[in-house]
């Protein structure tokens, strides 16, 4: 299982939100320096989210995303505000390895199909929910989408995606542990690689995610886990997190 240390951007700085609430923001300084620190710890991916763009669609932090991509010699996955082909191209043609499409994937699903044809394996879809079976949220988690995780994954079944990123919003930034039950169900609902997000607080949580298996045939496991608050708050180091991502035998 791959570790994806997270760098969330708001007003050009590195931040963490609590449950996606822009009224509950904690700042962590220079996002480029934060990304470099993760690489120094051994991370092979960096997960970057433009929170302002996710909410408004305006890519106000895009230059910061590209600065991060230029500053590190590892793979960068970036999302937030990717609402059209031009948004995706501005990232994928300038140093970002994979884009995460959230709101547009649910509101204009034909966009994801088009992007996946143009950039095979380099497009991920972000599916963000508040509780098992709940309606997915869009536009910076501030609006309901009108669809569920199961319905969205069914619609994406034949699209050539690099991954689906499944986020438990109610656990994000809370350090309360990941949604193991919901993630196991997600593994069973899709053949796409699944990246978990939300709630990781310790190496033990990452070990539990790495050991997670789908309940159906195939013994599928998670492809990765995004970790934000636990790293910036010092609950674990990148080195400890990477070691925990290797399932025990």
Protein backbone atom coordinates (compact mmCIF):
# COMPACT_ATOMS: atom_id res chain seq x y z
CA UNK A 1 0.00 0.00 0.00
CA UNK A 2 1.37 3.40 -1.00
CA UNK A 3 1.59 6.33 1.39
CA UNK A 4 0.26 9.67 0.09
CA UNK A 5 1.32 12.48 2.47
CA UNK A 6 -1.14 15.33 2.02
CA UNK A 7 -0.46 19.01 1.39
CA UNK A 8 -3.73 20.98 1.51
CA UNK A 9 -3.68 24.54 0.18
CA UNK A 10 -5.73 27.51 1.38
CA UNK A 11 -4.79 31.15 0.77
CA UNK A 12 -1.47 29.87 -0.67
CA UNK A 13 -0.43 28.22 2.59
CA UNK A 14 -0.38 24.64 3.87
CA UNK A 15 -3.38 23.98 6.11
CA UNK A 16 -5.58 21.28 7.57
CA UNK A 17 -9.34 21.62 7.90
CA UNK A 18 -11.44 19.74 10.43
CA UNK A 19 -14.14 17.71 8.63
CA UNK A 20 -13.77 20.01 5.62
CA UNK A 21 -14.91 23.05 7.62
CA UNK A 22 -13.29 26.28 6.35
CA UNK A 23 -14.11 27.84 9.71
CA UNK A 24 -11.80 25.36 11.43
CA UNK A 25 -8.44 25.91 9.76
CA UNK A 26 -4.97 25.14 11.13
CA UNK A 27 -1.95 26.56 9.30
CA UNK A 28 1.35 24.76 8.68
CA UNK A 29 3.46 27.27 6.79
CA UNK A 30 5.18 26.90 3.44
CA UNK A 31 3.56 24.13 1.36
CA UNK A 32 6.66 23.59 -0.78
CA UNK A 33 8.82 23.10 2.30
CA UNK A 34 6.25 20.71 3.74
CA UNK A 35 6.24 18.63 0.55
CA UNK A 36 10.03 18.52 0.52
CA UNK A 37 10.06 17.30 4.12
CA UNK A 38 7.83 14.40 3.15
CA UNK A 39 10.14 13.48 0.27
CA UNK A 40 13.13 13.62 2.60
CA UNK A 41 11.30 11.10 4.78
CA UNK A 42 11.03 8.69 1.87
CA UNK A 43 7.59 9.40 0.40
CA UNK A 44 7.20 8.40 -3.26
CA UNK A 45 3.98 10.36 -3.80
CA UNK A 46 2.69 13.73 -2.61
CA UNK A 47 -1.07 14.38 -2.55
CA UNK A 48 -1.90 18.07 -3.08
CA UNK A 49 -5.37 19.62 -2.80
CA UNK A 50 -6.33 23.18 -3.72
CA UNK A 51 -9.09 23.61 -1.15
CA UNK A 52 -10.10 27.05 -2.42
CA UNK A 53 -10.50 25.74 -5.97
CA UNK A 54 -12.46 22.75 -4.73
CA UNK A 55 -15.01 25.11 -3.22
CA UNK A 56 -15.21 27.80 -5.92
CA UNK A 57 -13.76 26.24 -9.08
CA UNK A 58 -11.23 29.08 -9.33
CA UNK A 59 -7.63 27.71 -9.42
CA UNK A 60 -6.20 30.38 -7.13
CA UNK A 61 -3.44 28.11 -5.81
CA UNK A 62 -2.55 26.38 -9.08
CA UNK A 63 0.85 28.01 -9.31
CA UNK A 64 1.63 26.69 -5.82
CA UNK A 65 0.63 23.18 -6.92
CA UNK A 66 3.02 23.45 -9.86
CA UNK A 67 5.77 24.84 -7.63
CA UNK A 68 5.45 21.73 -5.47
CA UNK A 69 5.58 19.47 -8.53
CA UNK A 70 8.72 21.25 -9.73
CA UNK A 71 10.38 21.18 -6.30
CA UNK A 72 10.13 17.44 -5.61
CA UNK A 73 11.50 14.49 -7.55
CA UNK A 74 8.59 12.17 -6.73
CA UNK A 75 5.10 11.69 -8.16
CA UNK A 76 2.47 14.34 -7.41
CA UNK A 77 -1.27 13.68 -7.29
CA UNK A 78 -3.30 16.90 -7.31
CA UNK A 79 -6.96 17.77 -7.00
CA UNK A 80 -9.32 20.58 -6.21
CA UNK A 81 -11.16 22.60 -8.84
CA UNK A 82 -10.49 20.31 -11.80
CA UNK A 83 -13.74 21.13 -13.61
CA UNK A 84 -12.68 20.94 -17.26
CA UNK A 85 -10.12 19.68 -19.75
CA UNK A 86 -8.08 22.88 -19.50
CA UNK A 87 -7.81 22.51 -15.72
CA UNK A 88 -6.55 18.95 -16.03
CA UNK A 89 -4.12 19.80 -18.83
CA UNK A 90 -2.69 22.73 -16.85
CA UNK A 91 -1.62 20.19 -14.22
CA UNK A 92 -0.90 16.99 -16.17
CA UNK A 93 1.11 18.75 -18.88
CA UNK A 94 3.24 20.62 -16.35
CA UNK A 95 4.62 18.15 -13.85
CA UNK A 96 1.65 16.56 -12.08
CA UNK A 97 1.41 12.80 -12.55
CA UNK A 98 -2.25 12.30 -11.64
CA UNK A 99 -5.25 14.58 -11.21
CA UNK A 100 -8.16 13.91 -8.90
CA UNK A 101 -11.54 14.96 -10.27
CA UNK A 102 -14.24 15.31 -7.64
CA UNK A 103 -17.17 17.63 -8.26
CA UNK A 104 -16.98 17.40 -12.06
CA UNK A 105 -16.88 13.61 -11.96
CA UNK A 106 -20.38 13.63 -10.50
CA UNK A 107 -21.83 16.70 -12.20
CA UNK A 108 -20.35 16.11 -15.69
CA UNK A 109 -19.26 12.45 -15.81
CA UNK A 110 -18.51 12.67 -19.53
CA UNK A 111 -15.55 14.89 -18.62
CA UNK A 112 -13.89 12.03 -16.70
CA UNK A 113 -14.41 9.67 -19.61
CA UNK A 114 -12.80 12.18 -21.99
CA UNK A 115 -9.87 12.87 -19.67
CA UNK A 116 -9.25 9.17 -19.08
CA UNK A 117 -9.04 8.61 -22.84
CA UNK A 118 -6.59 11.49 -23.23
CA UNK A 119 -4.54 10.65 -20.11
CA UNK A 120 -4.98 6.90 -19.50
CA UNK A 121 -4.17 5.88 -15.95
CA UNK A 122 -3.48 9.47 -14.89
CA UNK A 123 -6.99 10.44 -13.77
CA UNK A 124 -8.47 9.60 -10.38
CA UNK A 125 -11.96 10.31 -9.11
CA UNK A 126 -12.53 11.65 -5.61
CA UNK A 127 -15.65 10.30 -3.89
CA UNK A 128 -16.34 11.97 -0.56
CA UNK A 129 -19.06 10.78 1.82
CA UNK A 130 -20.44 11.31 5.30
CA UNK A 131 -21.25 7.80 6.50
CA UNK A 132 -21.79 4.45 4.82
CA UNK A 133 -24.46 4.62 2.13
CA UNK A 134 -24.71 8.38 2.45
CA UNK A 135 -24.98 10.83 -0.40
CA UNK A 136 -21.65 11.99 -1.77
CA UNK A 137 -20.66 15.64 -1.28
CA UNK A 138 -19.28 18.07 -3.89
CA UNK A 139 -17.91 21.63 -4.20
CA UNK A 140 -15.52 21.51 -1.30
CA UNK A 141 -17.86 19.17 0.61
CA UNK A 142 -20.38 21.97 0.96
CA UNK A 143 -23.17 20.61 -1.29
CA UNK A 144 -24.91 17.26 -1.77
CA UNK A 145 -24.36 15.48 -5.09
CA UNK A 146 -27.56 13.50 -5.42
CA UNK A 147 -25.71 10.19 -5.78
CA UNK A 148 -24.18 7.51 -3.57
CA UNK A 149 -20.79 5.80 -3.57
CA UNK A 150 -22.27 2.63 -5.04
CA UNK A 151 -24.01 4.48 -7.87
CA UNK A 152 -20.91 6.52 -8.70
CA UNK A 153 -18.65 3.47 -8.79
CA UNK A 154 -21.12 1.61 -11.00
CA UNK A 155 -21.06 4.48 -13.48
CA UNK A 156 -17.26 4.60 -13.48
CA UNK A 157 -16.75 0.85 -13.86
CA UNK A 158 -15.55 0.95 -17.48
CA UNK A 159 -13.54 4.19 -17.31
CA UNK A 160 -9.72 3.84 -17.43
CA UNK A 161 -8.97 5.42 -14.06
CA UNK A 162 -5.71 5.48 -12.14
CA UNK A 163 -7.60 5.26 -8.84
CA UNK A 164 -10.67 6.22 -6.88
CA UNK A 165 -9.99 8.25 -3.74
CA UNK A 166 -12.61 7.48 -1.08
CA UNK A 167 -12.82 10.03 1.72
CA UNK A 168 -14.81 9.72 4.93
CA UNK A 169 -15.56 13.41 5.52
CA UNK A 170 -16.71 12.97 9.09
CA UNK A 171 -13.32 11.46 9.96
CA UNK A 172 -11.13 13.92 8.05
CA UNK A 173 -8.80 15.86 10.35
CA UNK A 174 -10.28 14.21 13.44
CA UNK A 175 -7.58 11.61 14.17
CA UNK A 176 -10.33 9.18 15.08
CA UNK A 177 -9.31 6.24 12.93
CA UNK A 178 -10.18 5.30 9.34
CA UNK A 179 -13.51 3.93 8.10
CA UNK A 180 -12.47 0.28 7.77
CA UNK A 181 -16.00 -1.00 7.20
CA UNK A 182 -16.77 1.52 4.48
CA UNK A 183 -13.43 1.00 2.75
CA UNK A 184 -13.85 -2.77 2.72
CA UNK A 185 -17.22 -2.25 1.05
CA UNK A 186 -15.65 0.13 -1.49
CA UNK A 187 -13.09 -2.52 -2.42
CA UNK A 188 -15.94 -4.87 -3.18
CA UNK A 189 -17.81 -2.28 -5.29
CA UNK A 190 -15.07 -1.50 -7.80
CA UNK A 191 -12.18 -3.05 -9.69
CA UNK A 192 -10.35 0.30 -9.73
CA UNK A 193 -7.45 0.84 -7.30
CA UNK A 194 -8.85 2.38 -4.11
CA UNK A 195 -6.99 5.04 -2.13
CA UNK A 196 -8.29 5.68 1.39
CA UNK A 197 -8.55 9.12 2.96
CA UNK A 198 -9.73 10.36 6.34
CA UNK A 199 -9.05 9.56 9.97
CA UNK A 200 -5.58 7.97 9.99
CA UNK A 201 -4.00 8.76 13.35
CA UNK A 202 -1.19 6.20 13.87
CA UNK A 203 1.00 3.55 12.25
CA UNK A 204 -1.45 0.98 13.63
CA UNK A 205 -4.23 2.53 11.53
CA UNK A 206 -2.07 2.26 8.42
CA UNK A 207 -1.27 -1.36 9.23
CA UNK A 208 -4.99 -2.05 9.54
CA UNK A 209 -5.60 -0.41 6.16
CA UNK A 210 -2.78 -2.37 4.54
CA UNK A 211 -4.27 -5.62 5.84
CA UNK A 212 -7.79 -4.78 4.69
CA UNK A 213 -9.24 -7.22 2.14
CA UNK A 214 -12.37 -7.03 0.03
CA UNK A 215 -15.14 -9.35 1.21
CA UNK A 216 -15.68 -10.65 -2.33
CA UNK A 217 -13.48 -12.84 -4.55
CA UNK A 218 -10.01 -11.74 -5.52
CA UNK A 219 -8.67 -10.69 -2.09
CA UNK A 220 -8.27 -7.08 -3.22
CA UNK A 221 -6.35 -4.63 -1.04
CA UNK A 222 -6.13 -0.86 -0.85
CA UNK A 223 -3.73 0.78 -3.29
CA UNK A 224 -2.87 3.63 -0.97
CA UNK A 225 -3.72 5.82 2.00
CA UNK A 226 -3.67 9.61 2.26
CA UNK A 227 -2.35 10.95 5.57
CA UNK A 228 -2.45 14.61 6.52
CA UNK A 229 -3.11 15.70 10.10
CA UNK A 230 -1.23 12.83 11.75
CA UNK A 231 1.95 13.82 9.91
CA UNK A 232 1.82 17.59 10.38
CA UNK A 233 0.83 17.19 14.04
CA UNK A 234 3.75 14.81 14.68
CA UNK A 235 1.65 11.77 15.61
CA UNK A 236 4.02 9.77 13.39
CA UNK A 237 6.90 10.34 11.03
CA UNK A 238 6.86 9.66 7.31
CA UNK A 239 9.32 6.84 7.89
CA UNK A 240 7.01 5.22 10.46
CA UNK A 241 4.04 5.66 8.16
CA UNK A 242 5.80 4.04 5.19
CA UNK A 243 6.89 1.07 7.29
CA UNK A 244 3.31 0.57 8.46
CA UNK A 245 2.02 0.49 4.88
CA UNK A 246 3.75 -2.84 4.29
CA UNK A 247 1.34 -5.63 5.29
CA UNK A 248 2.72 -8.15 7.75
CA UNK A 249 3.05 -11.76 6.58
